[in-house]
């Protein structure tokens, strides 16, 4: 943890920033080790180029913060307190009087909290803090990769549980209940996002909403799920066909599989991210399904299910050893259905290693 804090402090020094206020639970967890859902209450980490950081949390979470391993200062407050008064005193103790530049998470800090900060320092300039943390979080260390590997193994198990639940007439929600019940029996407390099970034509909606649609012969069956394990997420998608399959379904599936295979072959250090997206899109376009592939090829994965980097055709950043992300091409045809195949992988020194391992060949489930 000290390495991460030191790296963030060096970034602040390099950018001539007086201090950073981080209030997203993911960044607080990454830099402090404290995993907390504060609800409407303020949870924040204050970082400085040359002073000791401090954690702000509700009084009711103070002990959990200590148990988590945070051994620096904690500014705790009760529900009737104004936390900003205590924050101002802690900043004064660190010699912060008239800061010129304060880094904040521009996509996370609410307007009300930005106002509270500006009330303390009216003439300060707020700048983005994302540049301080994203590059550090993007490259995972060995411990993080091991945790993500276990999260992926549990996601594989979730797909297995879903397959076992399939029977004619079952509903999407019934299958979700079976998946999450079996994962909780494995010790999984939380999914990394709302589990998606879609049957038939509903699989043609990339972000479809599961409901009471009943399974029938000839349906595509799409599972998209992930778990949180020790604070880190997994994300897998597999698509099957129930009992009988058409030539068109086979053609769609094989196109998506060919697309993903070609992208995986290019996943090694030094490859431009844009090349991954263009590779997938080229194969799907060539098969005549280009208009039915409406999203990027993947996204970063870690403490959040979707994090930096975004793997789209205009991102010219290069792949680096330690990056963990998804590769998930898809084809979605309204009224017919869709196919998505998604894996989690880590870039290694000489290529990549796929973390999710559930088989990808077309399976007709009986």
Protein backbone atom coordinates (compact mmCIF):
# COMPACT_ATOMS: atom_id res chain seq x y z
CA UNK A 1 0.00 0.00 0.00
CA UNK A 2 2.86 2.40 0.73
CA UNK A 3 4.10 1.91 -2.83
CA UNK A 4 0.74 2.98 -4.23
CA UNK A 5 0.52 6.00 -1.93
CA UNK A 6 4.08 7.01 -2.79
CA UNK A 7 3.38 6.71 -6.51
CA UNK A 8 0.27 8.87 -6.19
CA UNK A 9 2.20 11.45 -4.12
CA UNK A 10 4.93 11.60 -6.77
CA UNK A 11 2.28 12.24 -9.42
CA UNK A 12 0.94 15.15 -7.37
CA UNK A 13 4.42 16.59 -7.01
CA UNK A 14 5.07 16.24 -10.74
CA UNK A 15 1.82 18.07 -11.57
CA UNK A 16 2.37 20.83 -8.98
CA UNK A 17 -0.83 19.95 -7.12
CA UNK A 18 -1.25 20.98 -3.47
CA UNK A 19 -3.37 17.97 -2.55
CA UNK A 20 -5.86 15.47 -3.96
CA UNK A 21 -9.33 14.60 -2.69
CA UNK A 22 -10.42 11.11 -3.77
CA UNK A 23 -13.95 10.08 -2.85
CA UNK A 24 -14.79 7.12 -5.08
CA UNK A 25 -14.97 3.93 -3.05
CA UNK A 26 -12.79 2.15 -5.65
CA UNK A 27 -9.90 4.60 -5.41
CA UNK A 28 -10.18 4.80 -1.63
CA UNK A 29 -9.98 0.99 -1.48
CA UNK A 30 -7.08 0.83 -3.94
CA UNK A 31 -4.94 3.33 -2.04
CA UNK A 32 -5.99 2.64 1.57
CA UNK A 33 -7.12 -1.00 1.60
CA UNK A 34 -10.42 0.07 3.17
CA UNK A 35 -13.43 -1.29 1.29
CA UNK A 36 -16.49 0.67 2.38
CA UNK A 37 -19.93 1.52 1.03
CA UNK A 38 -20.68 4.88 2.70
CA UNK A 39 -24.11 5.35 1.09
CA UNK A 40 -24.91 9.08 1.32
CA UNK A 41 -22.12 9.78 3.81
CA UNK A 42 -18.73 11.18 2.86
CA UNK A 43 -15.86 8.73 2.39
CA UNK A 44 -12.64 10.32 1.16
CA UNK A 45 -8.88 10.04 1.04
CA UNK A 46 -6.74 13.19 1.11
CA UNK A 47 -3.27 12.84 -0.47
CA UNK A 48 -0.36 15.30 -0.40
CA UNK A 49 2.96 15.61 -2.23
CA UNK A 50 4.95 15.95 1.01
CA UNK A 51 2.62 15.30 3.96
CA UNK A 52 0.90 12.35 5.56
CA UNK A 53 -2.44 11.38 3.96
CA UNK A 54 -5.61 11.08 5.98
CA UNK A 55 -8.82 9.12 5.59
CA UNK A 56 -12.28 10.61 6.15
CA UNK A 57 -15.05 8.21 7.09
CA UNK A 58 -18.23 8.03 9.20
CA UNK A 59 -17.63 7.35 12.89
CA UNK A 60 -19.55 4.10 12.56
CA UNK A 61 -16.89 2.82 10.12
CA UNK A 62 -13.78 3.98 12.01
CA UNK A 63 -12.99 0.59 13.55
CA UNK A 64 -13.41 -1.24 10.25
CA UNK A 65 -10.99 1.23 8.68
CA UNK A 66 -8.39 0.38 11.32
CA UNK A 67 -8.96 -3.36 10.98
CA UNK A 68 -8.53 -3.06 7.20
CA UNK A 69 -4.91 -2.08 7.78
CA UNK A 70 -5.05 1.72 7.45
CA UNK A 71 -2.52 2.96 10.00
CA UNK A 72 -2.50 6.68 9.12
CA UNK A 73 -4.74 9.45 10.43
CA UNK A 74 -8.51 9.01 10.35
CA UNK A 75 -10.92 11.95 10.43
CA UNK A 76 -14.17 10.41 11.64
CA UNK A 77 -17.46 12.24 12.05
CA UNK A 78 -20.93 11.55 13.44
CA UNK A 79 -24.19 11.89 11.55
CA UNK A 80 -24.89 15.26 13.20
CA UNK A 81 -21.39 16.62 12.43
CA UNK A 82 -20.18 18.73 9.53
CA UNK A 83 -17.22 16.68 8.25
CA UNK A 84 -15.81 19.69 6.37
CA UNK A 85 -15.00 21.49 9.61
CA UNK A 86 -12.86 18.55 10.68
CA UNK A 87 -11.34 18.33 7.21
CA UNK A 88 -10.39 22.00 7.32
CA UNK A 89 -8.61 21.48 10.67
CA UNK A 90 -6.72 18.45 9.32
CA UNK A 91 -5.62 20.42 6.26
CA UNK A 92 -4.45 23.32 8.46
CA UNK A 93 -2.35 20.88 10.52
CA UNK A 94 -0.57 19.96 7.27
CA UNK A 95 0.15 23.58 6.39
CA UNK A 96 -2.51 23.87 3.68
CA UNK A 97 -3.66 27.51 3.72
CA UNK A 98 -4.13 28.87 0.20
CA UNK A 99 -3.79 25.97 -2.25
CA UNK A 100 -3.59 26.88 -5.92
CA UNK A 101 -4.52 23.47 -7.39
CA UNK A 102 -6.61 20.69 -5.85
CA UNK A 103 -7.06 17.43 -7.74
CA UNK A 104 -10.53 15.84 -7.58
CA UNK A 105 -12.25 12.99 -9.37
CA UNK A 106 -14.23 15.04 -11.84
CA UNK A 107 -16.62 12.18 -12.65
CA UNK A 108 -17.21 11.32 -8.99
CA UNK A 109 -17.25 14.51 -6.90
CA UNK A 110 -20.76 15.85 -6.44
CA UNK A 111 -21.55 19.51 -6.99
CA UNK A 112 -22.49 19.88 -3.30
CA UNK A 113 -19.10 18.56 -2.18
CA UNK A 114 -17.25 20.66 -4.72
CA UNK A 115 -19.09 23.68 -3.26
CA UNK A 116 -18.04 22.67 0.26
CA UNK A 117 -14.42 22.45 -0.85
CA UNK A 118 -14.58 25.80 -2.64
CA UNK A 119 -16.12 27.36 0.45
CA UNK A 120 -12.95 26.49 2.36
CA UNK A 121 -10.64 27.57 -0.49
CA UNK A 122 -12.57 30.05 -2.71
CA UNK A 123 -9.66 30.96 -5.00
CA UNK A 124 -8.36 27.44 -5.64
CA UNK A 125 -8.50 25.74 -9.02
CA UNK A 126 -9.98 22.21 -9.22
CA UNK A 127 -8.21 19.89 -11.65
CA UNK A 128 -8.64 16.24 -12.58
CA UNK A 129 -7.23 13.57 -10.27
CA UNK A 130 -7.82 10.71 -12.71
CA UNK A 131 -4.34 11.15 -14.22
CA UNK A 132 -2.84 10.44 -10.78
CA UNK A 133 -4.54 7.12 -10.17
CA UNK A 134 -5.57 5.60 -13.49
CA UNK A 135 -2.03 4.82 -14.70
CA UNK A 136 -1.23 3.12 -11.39
CA UNK A 137 -4.43 1.08 -11.28
CA UNK A 138 -4.19 0.08 -14.94
CA UNK A 139 -1.16 -2.20 -14.41
CA UNK A 140 -1.83 -4.98 -11.91
CA UNK A 141 0.78 -6.60 -9.68
CA UNK A 142 1.09 -10.34 -9.07
CA UNK A 143 -1.22 -10.32 -6.03
CA UNK A 144 -3.92 -8.48 -7.94
CA UNK A 145 -3.65 -10.90 -10.88
CA UNK A 146 -3.98 -13.85 -8.51
CA UNK A 147 -7.12 -12.32 -7.00
CA UNK A 148 -8.56 -11.64 -10.46
CA UNK A 149 -7.77 -15.23 -11.47
CA UNK A 150 -9.83 -16.55 -8.57
CA UNK A 151 -12.67 -14.15 -9.41
CA UNK A 152 -12.58 -15.49 -12.98
CA UNK A 153 -12.68 -19.10 -11.75
CA UNK A 154 -15.84 -18.30 -9.80
CA UNK A 155 -17.35 -16.66 -12.89
CA UNK A 156 -16.69 -19.88 -14.83
CA UNK A 157 -18.55 -21.75 -12.09
CA UNK A 158 -21.45 -19.32 -12.43
CA UNK A 159 -21.84 -20.25 -16.10
CA UNK A 160 -21.80 -23.94 -15.15
CA UNK A 161 -24.54 -23.31 -12.59
CA UNK A 162 -26.60 -21.49 -15.19
CA UNK A 163 -26.34 -24.36 -17.65
CA UNK A 164 -27.50 -26.81 -15.00
CA UNK A 165 -30.61 -24.69 -14.43
CA UNK A 166 -31.80 -24.72 -18.06
CA UNK A 167 -34.98 -26.62 -18.81
CA UNK A 168 -37.90 -26.02 -21.13
CA UNK A 169 -40.22 -23.39 -19.66
CA UNK A 170 -37.82 -21.99 -17.07
CA UNK A 171 -37.59 -18.21 -16.88
CA UNK A 172 -34.55 -15.96 -17.11
CA UNK A 173 -35.02 -14.85 -13.50
CA UNK A 174 -35.22 -18.44 -12.27
CA UNK A 175 -31.85 -19.18 -13.87
CA UNK A 176 -30.33 -16.05 -12.32
CA UNK A 177 -31.60 -17.15 -8.91
CA UNK A 178 -29.92 -20.54 -9.36
CA UNK A 179 -26.62 -18.99 -10.46
CA UNK A 180 -26.44 -16.56 -7.55
CA UNK A 181 -27.60 -19.14 -5.00
CA UNK A 182 -24.84 -21.58 -6.00
CA UNK A 183 -22.23 -18.81 -6.00
CA UNK A 184 -23.26 -17.73 -2.51
CA UNK A 185 -22.78 -21.32 -1.41
CA UNK A 186 -19.21 -20.89 -2.69
CA UNK A 187 -18.77 -17.84 -0.44
CA UNK A 188 -19.46 -15.11 -3.02
CA UNK A 189 -21.05 -12.17 -1.21
CA UNK A 190 -21.58 -9.84 -4.15
CA UNK A 191 -21.82 -9.92 -7.94
CA UNK A 192 -19.75 -7.39 -9.86
CA UNK A 193 -22.86 -6.22 -11.77
CA UNK A 194 -26.46 -7.36 -12.22
CA UNK A 195 -26.39 -10.90 -13.59
CA UNK A 196 -27.75 -11.12 -17.12
CA UNK A 197 -29.55 -14.18 -18.52
CA UNK A 198 -31.37 -13.60 -21.81
CA UNK A 199 -33.34 -16.08 -23.93
CA UNK A 200 -34.16 -16.05 -27.63
CA UNK A 201 -34.78 -12.68 -29.25
CA UNK A 202 -33.87 -10.90 -25.99
CA UNK A 203 -30.24 -11.99 -26.42
CA UNK A 204 -30.21 -9.53 -29.34
CA UNK A 205 -30.22 -6.66 -26.84
CA UNK A 206 -26.60 -6.00 -25.69
CA UNK A 207 -27.88 -4.63 -22.36
CA UNK A 208 -31.13 -6.58 -22.19
CA UNK A 209 -33.13 -6.79 -18.96
CA UNK A 210 -33.91 -10.30 -17.69
CA UNK A 211 -37.50 -11.07 -16.84
CA UNK A 212 -40.15 -13.77 -17.16
CA UNK A 213 -39.30 -14.84 -20.73
CA UNK A 214 -39.54 -18.65 -20.81
CA UNK A 215 -36.99 -20.89 -22.48
CA UNK A 216 -38.00 -22.81 -25.58
CA UNK A 217 -36.31 -24.98 -28.19
CA UNK A 218 -34.11 -23.10 -30.66
CA UNK A 219 -33.43 -20.14 -28.34
CA UNK A 220 -30.08 -18.49 -27.97
CA UNK A 221 -29.18 -18.42 -24.25
CA UNK A 222 -26.79 -15.63 -23.20
CA UNK A 223 -25.14 -15.48 -19.78
CA UNK A 224 -23.23 -12.34 -18.72
CA UNK A 225 -22.05 -12.40 -15.12
CA UNK A 226 -19.18 -11.70 -12.74
CA UNK A 227 -18.33 -11.82 -9.07
CA UNK A 228 -16.41 -9.67 -6.62
CA UNK A 229 -13.66 -11.60 -4.86
CA UNK A 230 -11.53 -9.81 -2.25
CA UNK A 231 -12.51 -6.50 -3.82
CA UNK A 232 -11.78 -7.42 -7.47
CA UNK A 233 -14.21 -8.18 -10.28
CA UNK A 234 -14.64 -10.76 -13.00
CA UNK A 235 -16.80 -10.55 -16.13
CA UNK A 236 -17.67 -13.41 -18.47
CA UNK A 237 -20.17 -13.88 -21.29
CA UNK A 238 -21.05 -17.17 -22.92
CA UNK A 239 -23.82 -17.91 -25.42
CA UNK A 240 -25.48 -21.26 -26.07
CA UNK A 241 -28.34 -22.63 -28.17
CA UNK A 242 -31.09 -24.68 -26.57
CA UNK A 243 -31.82 -28.10 -28.10
CA UNK A 244 -31.83 -27.24 -31.83
CA UNK A 245 -29.73 -24.86 -33.93
CA UNK A 246 -30.13 -23.24 -37.35
CA UNK A 247 -27.49 -22.57 -39.97
CA UNK A 248 -27.82 -18.84 -39.37
CA UNK A 249 -27.24 -19.26 -35.64
CA UNK A 250 -24.14 -21.32 -36.38
CA UNK A 251 -22.85 -18.68 -38.82
CA UNK A 252 -23.38 -15.85 -36.31
CA UNK A 253 -21.71 -17.79 -33.50
CA UNK A 254 -18.70 -18.85 -35.56
CA UNK A 255 -18.19 -15.27 -36.77
CA UNK A 256 -18.07 -13.97 -33.19
CA UNK A 257 -15.73 -16.78 -32.13
CA UNK A 258 -13.41 -16.15 -35.09
CA UNK A 259 -13.41 -12.46 -34.24
CA UNK A 260 -12.48 -13.05 -30.61
CA UNK A 261 -9.79 -15.60 -31.49
CA UNK A 262 -8.15 -13.14 -33.89
CA UNK A 263 -8.13 -10.41 -31.23
CA UNK A 264 -6.62 -12.70 -28.61
CA UNK A 265 -3.79 -13.55 -31.01
CA UNK A 266 -2.85 -9.85 -31.01
CA UNK A 267 -2.90 -9.43 -27.25
CA UNK A 268 0.74 -8.92 -26.31
CA UNK A 269 2.86 -6.01 -25.08
CA UNK A 270 3.26 -3.21 -27.59
CA UNK A 271 0.06 -3.77 -29.56
CA UNK A 272 -2.02 -0.60 -30.02
CA UNK A 273 -5.40 -0.96 -28.32
CA UNK A 274 -7.06 0.39 -31.46
CA UNK A 275 -5.77 -2.62 -33.40
CA UNK A 276 -7.77 -4.98 -31.19
CA UNK A 277 -11.04 -3.21 -31.90
CA UNK A 278 -10.32 -2.87 -35.62
CA UNK A 279 -9.39 -6.55 -35.87
CA UNK A 280 -12.69 -7.66 -34.37
CA UNK A 281 -14.70 -5.19 -36.40
CA UNK A 282 -12.98 -6.19 -39.64
CA UNK A 283 -13.97 -9.84 -39.30
CA UNK A 284 -17.55 -9.07 -38.30
CA UNK A 285 -17.86 -6.48 -41.10
CA UNK A 286 -16.46 -8.99 -43.58
CA UNK A 287 -19.12 -11.53 -42.64
CA UNK A 288 -21.86 -8.96 -43.29
CA UNK A 289 -22.79 -8.29 -39.67
CA UNK A 290 -20.99 -4.97 -39.12
CA UNK A 291 -24.10 -2.97 -38.30
CA UNK A 292 -24.94 -5.47 -35.56
CA UNK A 293 -21.75 -4.92 -33.54
CA UNK A 294 -22.50 -1.62 -31.73
CA UNK A 295 -19.94 -1.52 -28.90
CA UNK A 296 -16.19 -1.46 -28.21
CA UNK A 297 -14.16 -4.66 -28.05
CA UNK A 298 -13.58 -4.48 -24.29
CA UNK A 299 -12.76 -2.57 -21.12
CA UNK A 300 -10.31 -2.59 -18.26
CA UNK A 301 -11.08 -4.81 -15.31
CA UNK A 302 -10.04 -4.68 -11.66
CA UNK A 303 -11.65 -3.17 -8.58
CA UNK A 304 -14.44 -2.03 -10.89
CA UNK A 305 -16.06 -4.16 -13.57
CA UNK A 306 -15.50 -1.32 -16.05
CA UNK A 307 -12.34 0.69 -15.57
CA UNK A 308 -9.46 2.24 -17.51
CA UNK A 309 -8.55 1.64 -20.32
CA UNK A 310 -11.46 1.72 -22.77
CA UNK A 311 -10.65 -0.61 -25.67
CA UNK A 312 -12.05 1.21 -28.69
CA UNK A 313 -10.85 1.88 -32.21
CA UNK A 314 -9.53 5.38 -31.44
CA UNK A 315 -7.42 4.45 -28.41
CA UNK A 316 -3.80 4.40 -29.62
CA UNK A 317 -2.29 3.50 -26.23
CA UNK A 318 -0.12 0.38 -26.24
CA UNK A 319 -0.77 -2.82 -24.31
CA UNK A 320 1.55 -3.25 -21.33
CA UNK A 321 2.47 -6.20 -19.18
CA UNK A 322 0.09 -6.38 -16.21
CA UNK A 323 -2.94 -4.88 -17.95
CA UNK A 324 -6.15 -6.82 -17.28
CA UNK A 325 -9.15 -6.35 -19.54
CA UNK A 326 -12.02 -8.04 -21.35
CA UNK A 327 -12.31 -9.06 -25.01
CA UNK A 328 -16.00 -9.32 -25.94
CA UNK A 329 -17.09 -9.10 -29.59
CA UNK A 330 -20.78 -9.60 -30.30
CA UNK A 331 -23.46 -9.69 -32.97
CA UNK A 332 -27.02 -8.70 -32.02
CA UNK A 333 -29.88 -9.06 -34.51
CA UNK A 334 -33.28 -7.70 -33.47
CA UNK A 335 -36.08 -10.28 -33.25
CA UNK A 336 -33.61 -13.13 -33.85
CA UNK A 337 -31.13 -12.90 -30.99
CA UNK A 338 -27.46 -12.34 -30.38
CA UNK A 339 -24.12 -13.85 -29.51
CA UNK A 340 -21.40 -12.40 -27.29
CA UNK A 341 -18.25 -14.21 -26.18
CA UNK A 342 -16.31 -12.48 -23.43
CA UNK A 343 -13.12 -13.40 -21.60
CA UNK A 344 -10.91 -11.73 -19.01
CA UNK A 345 -7.17 -11.74 -19.72
CA UNK A 346 -3.89 -10.37 -18.43
CA UNK A 347 -1.01 -9.20 -20.62
CA UNK A 348 2.17 -11.11 -19.83
CA UNK A 349 5.81 -10.49 -20.79
CA UNK A 350 5.50 -12.61 -23.92
CA UNK A 351 1.77 -12.50 -24.72
CA UNK A 352 -1.31 -12.96 -22.57
CA UNK A 353 -3.03 -15.40 -20.23
CA UNK A 354 -6.77 -15.91 -20.33
CA UNK A 355 -8.29 -15.88 -16.84
CA UNK A 356 -11.81 -17.10 -17.69
CA UNK A 357 -11.58 -20.66 -18.95
CA UNK A 358 -15.09 -21.91 -19.71
CA UNK A 359 -15.12 -23.59 -23.19
CA UNK A 360 -16.11 -21.39 -26.13
CA UNK A 361 -17.00 -23.87 -28.86
CA UNK A 362 -20.68 -23.71 -29.83
CA UNK A 363 -22.72 -25.87 -27.47
CA UNK A 364 -26.25 -27.00 -28.19
CA UNK A 365 -27.69 -27.65 -24.77
CA UNK A 366 -30.18 -30.49 -24.49
